Amino acid sequence: MFQFCAGIANDSPLRFQASMKLSDDLKYTDQLLQLTKDFSNRFLSVADKLAPHKVFHSLPAVALPQTGIGGAATLEKFRQLYGDQLTAASGPRFWGFVTGGVTPAALMGDWLTSAMDLNVSSSGTVATCIEEDTLRQLKSLFGIPAEFLGAFVSGATMANFTGLAIARQWLGLQQGVDVAADGMNALQDVRILSSVPHSSILKSMSMLGLGRNSLVRIPALPNRESVDLQALENYLKEHPNQPFIYIANAGTVNTVDFDDIAAIVALKQQYNFWLHVDAAFGGFAACSTEYKSLLNGWEAADSITVDAHKWLNVPYDAAMIFNRHPELQVSVFQNPGAAYLGDPLREFHYNNYIPENSRRLRALPAWFSLQAYGREGYQYIVENNVHLARKLGTLIASDPRLKLLAPVRLCVVCFTLDVPEETQADAVSGFLTALNNSGVVYMTRTQYQGQPAIRAALVNWRTTEKDIQLVWDTIQQLLT
C-alpha cells in the first residue's frame, strides 16, 4: 500500500481511491501498453505527412485532478488536448537544430529503458555493463582510442561542460592549484582559445566560472569557419609560457566546417594547451570512408564531445564525453563523503565522473541502434544525408533568386535570398516564416559572414530524395 501524505487514515476514501487507480493500472498494464503502442504507431505512420513545426500561442491549462482518472483515460485526454498540435520533430523534413530522428531499434531501447528504470550510478550492475559496452562500440565506430574514458550525458552542452571542467582542472594544475578543491579564486589569467565556438561553449564557460570574456577568438580563414592556423600559432608564440584551453571545431553549425585538427595537434607538441574537440555532429564523419579524414588527429585530443540525439538518431536526450585523463575527471566530479555513492578512489562509479548523480540508462537506445544497423548502417545514414544535402545545395545554387553562402561540406545547407542588402533581413525573415508555416519543412535562421541566412540540417535517417523534391517545390512556389 502507498502512503501519499501524513494524516490520512489507512481506510480513508482518498487512500482507497488512489490505491484502486494504481492497482487497476497495474492489473491492466498490458492493455495500457498496447494502447500506447497503438497511439505511437499511428503517430509514426504519418510522421512523413505531419507538419514538422507549428506555432501556437496558447493551450488550455490542465488542472491537477483531486482523484486520478487512470492511465487509459489520461492517454485519451492527452490525445484530445494535444493531438492536433503534435509535430513530426523526428520526421524526415525537420531540418532545424541538427536534430536526428529515432531509429526503430533506438525506440525499442528507449521503451525498455523506461520500463526497467535501471540506475546507472551503481558499479558492477548490468546497467553499468551496458553503458560500458555501448561506449566501446562507439569508440570503435569513431576510431577513438580505447584508453579514452567515455560517459553518457544529456547533450552536447553537458558534454562540452564536462570537457571544459576537466580542462579547467588541468589548467589549475599548470599553475600549481587544485581548482576542484580551492575554487576559481585560485586560478589566474584564464584564456580559452577558439575560432567559431558553438554557443554551448560560452554557456559552459559561464556556468564553470571561467567567464565568457575569457574567450579569445582566433581569426578564421577567409570565407571559412575553420581556424587560421598561422593566427593561432602567432598567438601561441606571443604567450610562450602560458597554458591555454583550445576548443577545436569538428563541424560548425552553419557550414559543418572543420578545424585542421592534425595541424593543431602538431602545435600541441610545441605549446602547452589542452585540446577539446567539439564534434557534436561532425564526429559522425568518422563513419564514412569518404569523410573520416576530416577528423585526422582527433585521437590525440584531450577531450571530445559527440552528440547522440543528432546523427546517431536516438531519442532526446543523449550525448557522449570522451576524455583521456580520467584521474582529472574524477578529481572534479567525485562525491566525497557519500559512502552509498562509492569510494571514488577504490571503485568505478559513473556518477564520480560526470555532473549528474541520477540519470537514466541513456546508453540502451544507442546499444540497440548500433547492434541493429551496425557500422554499415551508420555509414549509409551519414553518406545519404550528405548526398541529399548536396542535392539541395545544387538546386539552390541553380536559382538566381537564391544564394548558397558556403559549399555544402557535409549535411548543412546555408543560403540566403539574393536581394538588396537593405531589404535582405526582412525578406529572409518573411520567406523563412512562410516556408516553416507551409507544414512541409522546418529550417532555422542564422547569420553567416554578416548576412541574414537560413540553414537546413539533414541528419534524419528517414529523409529521402522525395523530401528534397517536395521542399524544393515548396520553395519555388513561395518565390513566385
Protein backbone atom coordinates (compact mmCIF):
# COMPACT_ATOMS: atom_id res chain seq x y z
CA MET A 1 0.00 0.00 0.00
CA PHE A 2 1.12 3.53 -0.72
CA GLN A 3 1.19 6.36 1.84
CA PHE A 4 0.63 9.60 -0.06
CA CYS A 5 0.63 12.10 2.78
CA ALA A 6 0.71 12.14 6.53
CA GLY A 7 -2.53 12.34 8.46
CA ILE A 8 -4.65 10.20 6.11
CA ALA A 9 -6.10 7.18 7.83
CA ASN A 10 -5.46 3.80 6.28
CA ASP A 11 -9.15 3.36 5.48
CA SER A 12 -9.75 6.90 4.16
CA PRO A 13 -11.66 7.23 0.86
CA LEU A 14 -8.77 9.14 -0.69
CA ARG A 15 -6.29 6.43 0.13
CA PHE A 16 -8.65 3.77 -1.14
CA GLN A 17 -9.40 5.54 -4.44
CA ALA A 18 -5.74 6.30 -5.14
CA SER A 19 -4.78 2.74 -4.34
CA MET A 20 -7.51 1.40 -6.62
CA LYS A 21 -6.34 3.54 -9.55
CA LEU A 22 -2.79 2.31 -9.15
CA SER A 23 -3.90 -1.29 -8.66
CA ASP A 24 -6.17 -1.20 -11.70
CA ASP A 25 -3.43 0.24 -13.90
CA LEU A 26 -1.01 -2.40 -12.65
CA LYS A 27 -3.58 -5.11 -13.37
CA TYR A 28 -4.13 -3.87 -16.90
CA THR A 29 -0.60 -2.77 -17.70
CA ASP A 30 -0.51 -4.89 -20.85
CA GLN A 31 -3.63 -3.18 -22.21
CA LEU A 32 -2.24 0.25 -21.32
CA LEU A 33 1.00 -0.53 -23.12
CA GLN A 34 -0.99 -1.76 -26.13
CA LEU A 35 -2.97 1.49 -26.21
CA THR A 36 0.30 3.42 -26.02
CA LYS A 37 1.81 1.29 -28.79
CA ASP A 38 -1.25 1.86 -31.00
CA PHE A 39 -1.05 5.61 -30.43
CA SER A 40 2.67 5.59 -31.20
CA ASN A 41 2.15 3.52 -34.34
CA ARG A 42 -0.46 5.93 -35.64
CA PHE A 43 1.86 8.85 -34.99
CA LEU A 44 4.87 7.21 -36.64
CA SER A 45 2.83 6.08 -39.64
CA VAL A 46 2.05 9.71 -40.54
CA ALA A 47 5.35 11.28 -39.48
CA ASP A 48 6.25 11.89 -43.13
CA LYS A 49 2.96 13.77 -43.63
CA LEU A 50 2.71 15.73 -40.38
CA ALA A 51 3.97 19.29 -40.26
CA PRO A 52 7.47 19.31 -38.77
CA HIS A 53 6.70 22.56 -36.95
CA LYS A 54 3.67 24.51 -35.75
CA VAL A 55 3.31 27.81 -33.98
CA PHE A 56 0.57 28.17 -31.40
CA HIS A 57 0.09 30.86 -28.81
CA SER A 58 -1.68 29.07 -26.01
CA LEU A 59 -3.27 25.83 -24.92
CA PRO A 60 -5.82 25.27 -22.17
CA ALA A 61 -4.31 24.91 -18.72
CA VAL A 62 -4.71 21.45 -17.24
CA ALA A 63 -5.57 21.29 -13.55
CA LEU A 64 -4.27 18.59 -11.25
CA PRO A 65 -7.20 16.24 -10.53
CA GLN A 66 -8.12 15.50 -6.96
CA THR A 67 -8.79 11.90 -7.87
CA GLY A 68 -6.78 10.46 -10.73
CA ILE A 69 -8.51 9.24 -13.90
CA GLY A 70 -6.24 6.27 -14.63
CA GLY A 71 -3.85 5.58 -17.47
CA ALA A 72 -6.31 4.86 -20.30
CA ALA A 73 -8.39 7.97 -19.68
CA THR A 74 -5.21 10.02 -19.35
CA LEU A 75 -3.99 8.88 -22.77
CA GLU A 76 -7.32 9.86 -24.29
CA LYS A 77 -7.21 13.23 -22.54
CA PHE A 78 -3.70 13.77 -23.89
CA ARG A 79 -4.93 12.96 -27.39
CA GLN A 80 -7.83 15.37 -27.13
CA LEU A 81 -5.77 18.21 -25.67
CA TYR A 82 -2.57 17.93 -27.66
CA GLY A 83 -3.11 15.50 -30.52
CA ASP A 84 -3.78 18.16 -33.14
CA GLN A 85 -0.70 20.11 -32.05
CA LEU A 86 1.80 17.28 -32.37
CA THR A 87 4.53 17.79 -34.94
CA ALA A 88 6.94 15.49 -36.70
CA ALA A 89 10.05 16.80 -34.97
CA SER A 90 11.58 13.37 -35.54
CA GLY A 91 10.33 13.24 -39.11
CA PRO A 92 12.21 13.45 -42.41
CA ARG A 93 11.81 17.20 -43.01
CA PHE A 94 12.64 18.65 -39.61
CA TRP A 95 15.88 20.35 -40.67
CA GLY A 96 16.38 22.67 -37.72
CA PHE A 97 18.78 22.45 -34.73
CA VAL A 98 20.66 19.49 -36.28
CA THR A 99 18.08 17.10 -34.86
CA GLY A 100 18.13 13.43 -35.79
CA GLY A 101 15.10 11.18 -35.73
CA VAL A 102 14.65 7.98 -33.78
CA THR A 103 15.51 4.69 -35.47
CA PRO A 104 13.07 1.83 -34.80
CA ALA A 105 15.70 -0.04 -32.79
CA ALA A 106 16.55 3.06 -30.75
CA LEU A 107 12.86 3.41 -29.90
CA MET A 108 12.84 -0.20 -28.70
CA GLY A 109 15.80 0.52 -26.45
CA ASP A 110 14.24 3.70 -25.12
CA TRP A 111 10.97 1.95 -24.21
CA LEU A 112 12.91 -0.73 -22.36
CA THR A 113 14.95 1.94 -20.60
CA SER A 114 11.75 3.44 -19.19
CA ALA A 115 10.20 0.08 -18.39
CA MET A 116 13.23 -1.21 -16.46
CA ASP A 117 14.25 2.15 -14.96
CA LEU A 118 17.74 0.89 -14.14
CA ASN A 119 20.10 3.02 -12.06
CA VAL A 120 23.38 3.63 -13.87
CA SER A 121 25.05 5.06 -10.78
CA SER A 122 25.97 1.77 -9.11
CA SER A 123 29.04 -0.19 -10.14
CA GLY A 124 29.01 -3.85 -11.03
CA THR A 125 25.42 -3.82 -12.34
CA VAL A 126 24.05 -4.79 -15.73
CA ALA A 127 23.28 -1.09 -16.38
CA THR A 128 26.95 -0.15 -15.97
CA CYS A 129 27.92 -3.08 -18.20
CA ILE A 130 25.52 -1.89 -20.92
CA GLU A 131 26.89 1.65 -20.82
CA GLU A 132 30.50 0.45 -20.96
CA ASP A 133 29.64 -1.92 -23.82
CA THR A 134 27.91 0.85 -25.77
CA LEU A 135 30.83 3.22 -25.30
CA ARG A 136 33.27 0.58 -26.55
CA GLN A 137 31.16 0.20 -29.68
CA LEU A 138 31.05 3.96 -30.18
CA LYS A 139 34.81 4.30 -29.79
CA SER A 140 35.19 1.58 -32.40
CA LEU A 141 32.73 3.35 -34.71
CA PHE A 142 34.52 6.69 -34.37
CA GLY A 143 38.10 5.42 -34.21
CA ILE A 144 38.63 6.95 -30.75
CA PRO A 145 41.42 5.21 -28.79
CA ALA A 146 40.32 2.61 -26.28
CA GLU A 147 42.10 4.39 -23.40
CA PHE A 148 39.62 7.29 -23.53
CA LEU A 149 37.05 7.14 -20.76
CA GLY A 150 33.58 7.63 -22.20
CA ALA A 151 30.34 8.51 -20.46
CA PHE A 152 26.81 9.45 -21.46
CA VAL A 153 25.44 12.88 -20.54
CA SER A 154 22.28 14.75 -21.53
CA GLY A 155 23.54 16.51 -24.67
CA ALA A 156 26.37 18.38 -26.33
CA THR A 157 26.08 21.27 -23.86
CA MET A 158 26.76 19.00 -20.88
CA ALA A 159 29.45 17.13 -22.81
CA ASN A 160 31.23 20.42 -23.53
CA PHE A 161 30.65 21.48 -19.93
CA THR A 162 32.24 18.25 -18.67
CA GLY A 163 35.20 18.53 -21.04
CA LEU A 164 35.84 22.13 -20.04
CA ALA A 165 35.51 21.28 -16.34
CA ILE A 166 38.27 18.69 -16.73
CA ALA A 167 40.31 21.16 -18.78
CA ARG A 168 39.85 23.76 -16.02
CA GLN A 169 41.31 21.29 -13.52
CA TRP A 170 44.28 20.72 -15.85
CA LEU A 171 44.73 24.48 -16.23
CA GLY A 172 44.86 24.84 -12.46
CA LEU A 173 47.50 22.14 -12.12
CA GLN A 174 49.65 24.03 -14.62
CA GLN A 175 49.56 26.89 -12.11
CA GLY A 176 50.07 24.63 -9.11
CA VAL A 177 46.49 24.87 -7.78
CA ASP A 178 43.60 22.46 -7.31
CA VAL A 179 40.53 24.25 -8.68
CA ALA A 180 38.16 21.45 -7.65
CA ALA A 181 39.23 21.89 -4.03
CA ASP A 182 40.05 25.58 -3.81
CA GLY A 183 37.72 27.14 -6.37
CA MET A 184 38.18 29.62 -9.18
CA ASN A 185 39.80 32.21 -6.92
CA ALA A 186 42.96 30.13 -7.07
CA LEU A 187 43.10 30.27 -10.87
CA GLN A 188 44.75 33.19 -12.61
CA ASP A 189 44.60 34.66 -16.13
CA VAL A 190 42.30 32.13 -17.78
CA ARG A 191 42.29 32.09 -21.58
CA ILE A 192 40.10 29.84 -23.73
CA LEU A 193 41.01 29.92 -27.41
CA SER A 194 38.69 29.09 -30.31
CA SER A 195 37.74 30.39 -33.71
CA VAL A 196 33.98 29.88 -34.17
CA PRO A 197 32.82 28.22 -30.93
CA HIS A 198 29.33 26.87 -30.50
CA SER A 199 27.13 28.83 -28.11
CA SER A 200 27.22 25.92 -25.65
CA ILE A 201 30.94 26.60 -25.15
CA LEU A 202 30.20 30.12 -23.95
CA LYS A 203 27.33 28.86 -21.81
CA SER A 204 29.61 26.25 -20.24
CA MET A 205 32.31 28.85 -19.59
CA SER A 206 29.75 30.96 -17.75
CA MET A 207 28.48 28.04 -15.65
CA LEU A 208 32.03 26.94 -14.79
CA GLY A 209 33.07 30.38 -13.58
CA LEU A 210 35.61 30.69 -16.39
CA GLY A 211 33.66 33.66 -17.71
CA ARG A 212 32.57 34.32 -21.27
CA ASN A 213 35.03 37.20 -21.52
CA SER A 214 37.95 34.81 -21.13
CA LEU A 215 37.32 33.59 -24.68
CA VAL A 216 39.97 34.65 -27.20
CA ARG A 217 38.57 34.39 -30.72
CA ILE A 218 41.29 33.36 -33.14
CA PRO A 219 40.52 34.53 -36.70
CA ALA A 220 39.10 32.06 -39.19
CA LEU A 221 40.35 31.55 -42.71
CA PRO A 222 38.78 33.87 -45.30
CA ASN A 223 35.20 32.83 -46.13
CA ARG A 224 35.52 29.86 -43.78
CA GLU A 225 34.66 28.82 -40.24
CA SER A 226 37.97 26.98 -39.86
CA VAL A 227 40.71 28.49 -37.71
CA ASP A 228 43.57 30.34 -39.37
CA LEU A 229 46.46 28.19 -38.16
CA GLN A 230 49.01 30.93 -38.65
CA ALA A 231 46.95 33.29 -36.49
CA LEU A 232 46.71 30.58 -33.83
CA GLU A 233 50.43 29.91 -33.87
CA ASN A 234 51.18 33.62 -33.72
CA TYR A 235 49.06 33.91 -30.58
CA LEU A 236 50.77 30.93 -29.00
CA LYS A 237 54.21 32.38 -29.80
CA GLU A 238 53.22 35.67 -28.19
CA HIS A 239 52.34 33.84 -24.96
CA PRO A 240 55.06 31.19 -24.76
CA ASN A 241 54.75 30.23 -21.09
CA GLN A 242 51.01 30.47 -20.63
CA PRO A 243 48.81 27.33 -20.63
CA PHE A 244 45.60 27.52 -22.65
CA ILE A 245 42.49 25.56 -23.47
CA TYR A 246 41.83 25.35 -27.21
CA ILE A 247 38.34 24.42 -28.49
CA ALA A 248 38.56 22.87 -31.95
CA ASN A 249 35.53 22.67 -34.19
CA ALA A 250 34.68 19.40 -35.89
CA GLY A 251 31.57 20.56 -37.67
CA THR A 252 30.31 24.13 -37.20
CA VAL A 253 26.55 24.60 -37.07
CA ASN A 254 26.31 26.91 -40.09
CA THR A 255 28.54 25.16 -42.62
CA VAL A 256 29.90 21.99 -40.94
CA ASP A 257 33.40 23.39 -41.29
CA PHE A 258 36.31 21.67 -39.54
CA ASP A 259 39.46 22.98 -37.96
CA ASP A 260 42.59 21.22 -39.20
CA ILE A 261 42.83 19.05 -36.10
CA ALA A 262 46.02 17.27 -37.18
CA ALA A 263 47.80 20.61 -37.60
CA ILE A 264 46.53 21.77 -34.19
CA VAL A 265 47.85 18.54 -32.66
CA ALA A 266 51.25 19.36 -34.19
CA LEU A 267 51.13 22.75 -32.47
CA LYS A 268 50.20 20.98 -29.24
CA GLN A 269 53.58 19.24 -29.33
CA GLN A 270 55.29 22.67 -29.18
CA TYR A 271 52.96 24.66 -26.94
CA ASN A 272 51.19 23.93 -23.68
CA PHE A 273 47.45 23.68 -24.21
CA TRP A 274 44.52 21.37 -23.61
CA LEU A 275 42.75 20.32 -26.82
CA HIS A 276 39.00 19.86 -26.61
CA VAL A 277 37.27 18.82 -29.85
CA ASP A 278 33.64 19.83 -30.18
CA ALA A 279 32.42 17.21 -32.65
CA ALA A 280 28.76 17.26 -31.64
CA PHE A 281 27.57 16.03 -35.03
CA GLY A 282 30.69 16.36 -37.17
CA GLY A 283 32.20 13.42 -35.31
CA PHE A 284 29.98 11.16 -37.38
CA ALA A 285 32.15 11.91 -40.40
CA ALA A 286 34.24 9.10 -38.92
CA CYS A 287 31.52 6.66 -40.04
CA SER A 288 32.32 7.34 -43.69
CA THR A 289 35.45 6.29 -45.53
CA GLU A 290 34.94 9.35 -47.72
CA TYR A 291 34.78 11.93 -44.94
CA LYS A 292 36.64 10.50 -41.95
CA SER A 293 39.86 12.30 -42.94
CA LEU A 294 38.19 15.49 -41.68
CA LEU A 295 38.85 14.15 -38.19
CA ASN A 296 42.51 13.26 -38.68
CA GLY A 297 44.33 13.91 -35.42
CA TRP A 298 41.37 13.90 -33.06
CA GLU A 299 42.65 10.72 -31.49
CA ALA A 300 45.37 12.92 -29.90
CA ALA A 301 42.85 15.30 -28.30
CA ASP A 302 42.39 15.53 -24.54
CA SER A 303 38.59 15.51 -24.62
CA ILE A 304 35.92 15.06 -27.29
CA THR A 305 32.21 15.86 -27.45
CA VAL A 306 29.90 13.81 -29.68
CA ASP A 307 26.12 14.14 -29.62
CA ALA A 308 23.92 11.05 -29.84
CA HIS A 309 20.50 12.61 -30.43
CA LYS A 310 21.84 14.18 -33.59
CA TRP A 311 23.33 11.88 -36.23
CA LEU A 312 23.15 8.72 -34.10
CA ASN A 313 19.35 9.14 -34.34
CA VAL A 314 18.47 8.13 -30.79
CA PRO A 315 15.83 9.91 -28.65
CA TYR A 316 16.50 13.04 -26.67
CA ASP A 317 18.49 13.45 -24.53
CA ALA A 318 21.87 11.77 -25.05
CA ALA A 319 25.48 12.67 -25.81
CA MET A 320 28.94 11.35 -25.03
CA ILE A 321 32.05 12.89 -23.50
CA PHE A 322 35.32 11.09 -24.20
CA ASN A 323 38.37 12.03 -22.12
CA ARG A 324 41.90 10.65 -21.92
CA HIS A 325 42.56 11.95 -18.37
CA PRO A 326 40.15 10.08 -16.03
CA GLU A 327 42.25 10.97 -12.97
CA LEU A 328 41.47 14.64 -13.59
CA GLN A 329 37.85 13.84 -14.32
CA VAL A 330 37.28 12.07 -11.01
CA SER A 331 39.01 14.86 -9.12
CA VAL A 332 36.32 17.24 -10.44
CA PHE A 333 33.17 15.13 -10.29
CA GLN A 334 33.67 12.79 -7.33
CA ASN A 335 31.22 12.61 -4.44
CA PRO A 336 33.48 12.72 -1.36
CA GLY A 337 31.97 11.51 1.87
CA ALA A 338 28.98 9.79 0.23
CA ALA A 339 29.58 6.14 1.06
CA TYR A 340 26.45 5.00 -0.74
CA LEU A 341 27.83 6.50 -3.98
CA GLY A 342 31.03 4.50 -3.74
CA ASP A 343 34.64 5.31 -2.91
CA PRO A 344 35.92 7.21 -5.97
CA LEU A 345 39.48 6.06 -5.24
CA ARG A 346 38.67 2.34 -4.99
CA GLU A 347 35.76 1.51 -7.27
CA PHE A 348 34.35 2.86 -10.51
CA HIS A 349 31.02 4.67 -10.44
CA TYR A 350 29.91 6.82 -13.38
CA ASN A 351 28.48 9.41 -11.02
CA ASN A 352 32.05 10.23 -9.92
CA TYR A 353 32.99 11.16 -13.50
CA ILE A 354 30.11 13.29 -14.77
CA PRO A 355 27.92 16.13 -13.43
CA GLU A 356 24.81 14.02 -12.79
CA ASN A 357 24.44 11.55 -9.95
CA SER A 358 20.99 10.50 -11.12
CA ARG A 359 20.36 9.63 -14.75
CA ARG A 360 18.52 7.14 -16.89
CA LEU A 361 20.19 4.42 -18.96
CA ARG A 362 20.76 6.67 -21.98
CA ALA A 363 23.13 4.13 -23.47
CA LEU A 364 20.48 1.48 -24.18
CA PRO A 365 18.79 3.15 -27.19
CA ALA A 366 22.27 3.62 -28.69
CA TRP A 367 23.15 -0.02 -27.92
CA PHE A 368 20.03 -1.21 -29.73
CA SER A 369 20.59 1.01 -32.75
CA LEU A 370 24.29 0.17 -33.06
CA GLN A 371 23.55 -3.54 -32.88
CA ALA A 372 20.58 -3.34 -35.25
CA TYR A 373 22.27 -1.36 -38.03
CA GLY A 374 25.98 -1.70 -37.39
CA ARG A 375 28.87 0.16 -38.94
CA GLU A 376 27.43 -0.09 -42.45
CA GLY A 377 24.07 1.26 -41.34
CA TYR A 378 25.59 4.41 -39.90
CA GLN A 379 27.85 4.85 -42.90
CA TYR A 380 24.71 4.75 -45.04
CA ILE A 381 22.85 7.28 -42.87
CA VAL A 382 25.74 9.75 -42.95
CA GLU A 383 26.52 9.41 -46.65
CA ASN A 384 22.85 9.51 -47.66
CA ASN A 385 22.25 12.71 -45.68
CA VAL A 386 25.32 14.32 -47.21
CA HIS A 387 24.20 13.28 -50.70
CA LEU A 388 20.75 14.79 -50.12
CA ALA A 389 22.15 17.99 -48.61
CA ARG A 390 24.42 18.45 -51.62
CA LYS A 391 21.50 17.89 -53.96
CA LEU A 392 19.55 20.62 -52.16
CA GLY A 393 22.61 22.86 -52.33
CA THR A 394 22.92 22.30 -56.08
CA LEU A 395 19.27 23.23 -56.58
CA ILE A 396 19.68 26.41 -54.53
CA ALA A 397 22.83 27.39 -56.42
CA SER A 398 20.95 26.98 -59.71
CA ASP A 399 18.29 29.57 -58.83
CA PRO A 400 19.38 33.21 -59.30
CA ARG A 401 16.88 34.33 -56.66
CA LEU A 402 18.80 32.39 -54.00
CA LYS A 403 22.43 32.41 -52.92
CA LEU A 404 24.37 29.49 -51.48
CA LEU A 405 26.62 31.05 -48.84
CA ALA A 406 29.10 28.21 -48.42
CA PRO A 407 29.93 24.89 -50.05
CA VAL A 408 27.86 22.01 -48.70
CA ARG A 409 30.64 20.21 -46.86
CA LEU A 410 28.52 17.62 -45.10
CA CYS A 411 24.88 17.83 -44.02
CA VAL A 412 24.06 21.54 -43.59
CA VAL A 413 22.93 23.87 -46.37
CA CYS A 414 23.41 27.58 -45.59
CA PHE A 415 21.75 30.02 -48.01
CA THR A 416 20.00 33.34 -48.31
CA LEU A 417 17.87 35.35 -50.70
CA ASP A 418 19.75 37.24 -53.39
CA VAL A 419 18.11 40.61 -52.77
CA PRO A 420 19.48 44.10 -51.99
CA GLU A 421 21.31 44.29 -48.68
CA GLU A 422 18.96 46.88 -47.21
CA THR A 423 15.93 44.60 -47.64
CA GLN A 424 17.61 41.25 -47.05
CA ALA A 425 16.87 40.85 -43.35
CA ASP A 426 13.13 41.41 -43.76
CA ALA A 427 12.99 39.35 -46.93
CA VAL A 428 14.75 36.38 -45.36
CA SER A 429 12.63 36.56 -42.22
CA GLY A 430 9.39 36.68 -44.19
CA PHE A 431 10.43 33.89 -46.53
CA LEU A 432 11.54 31.60 -43.69
CA THR A 433 8.31 32.20 -41.78
CA ALA A 434 6.27 31.31 -44.84
CA LEU A 435 8.41 28.24 -45.50
CA ASN A 436 8.07 26.95 -41.93
CA ASN A 437 4.35 27.72 -41.88
CA SER A 438 3.87 25.68 -45.04
CA GLY A 439 3.80 22.50 -42.97
CA VAL A 440 6.31 20.89 -45.34
CA VAL A 441 9.67 21.64 -43.74
CA TYR A 442 11.28 23.36 -40.78
CA MET A 443 14.53 25.29 -41.09
CA THR A 444 16.20 27.82 -38.78
CA ARG A 445 17.50 31.34 -39.21
CA THR A 446 21.16 32.19 -38.77
CA GLN A 447 23.84 34.76 -39.57
CA TYR A 448 26.78 33.93 -41.82
CA GLN A 449 29.56 36.33 -42.77
CA GLY A 450 27.33 39.19 -41.61
CA GLN A 451 24.38 38.16 -43.76
CA PRO A 452 20.95 37.02 -42.53
CA ALA A 453 20.62 33.44 -43.68
CA ILE A 454 18.73 30.17 -43.48
CA ARG A 455 20.16 26.80 -42.57
CA ALA A 456 18.85 23.34 -43.30
CA ALA A 457 20.43 20.49 -41.33
CA LEU A 458 19.82 16.98 -42.66
CA VAL A 459 20.68 14.24 -40.17
CA ASN A 460 17.49 12.17 -40.13
CA TRP A 461 17.57 8.53 -41.24
CA ARG A 462 14.11 8.87 -42.84
CA THR A 463 14.94 11.69 -45.25
CA THR A 464 14.77 10.72 -48.94
CA GLU A 465 15.05 12.20 -52.43
CA LYS A 466 11.28 12.71 -52.39
CA ASP A 467 11.63 15.01 -49.36
CA ILE A 468 14.23 17.11 -51.16
CA GLN A 469 11.95 17.47 -54.17
CA LEU A 470 8.91 18.30 -52.04
CA VAL A 471 10.83 21.00 -50.18
CA TRP A 472 12.27 22.40 -53.40
CA ASP A 473 8.81 22.58 -54.99
CA THR A 474 7.57 24.44 -51.91
CA ILE A 475 10.48 26.89 -52.10
CA GLN A 476 9.72 27.54 -55.77
CA GLN A 477 6.06 28.23 -55.01
CA LEU A 478 6.98 30.72 -52.29
CA LEU A 479 9.49 32.53 -54.52
CA THR A 480 6.91 33.18 -57.26
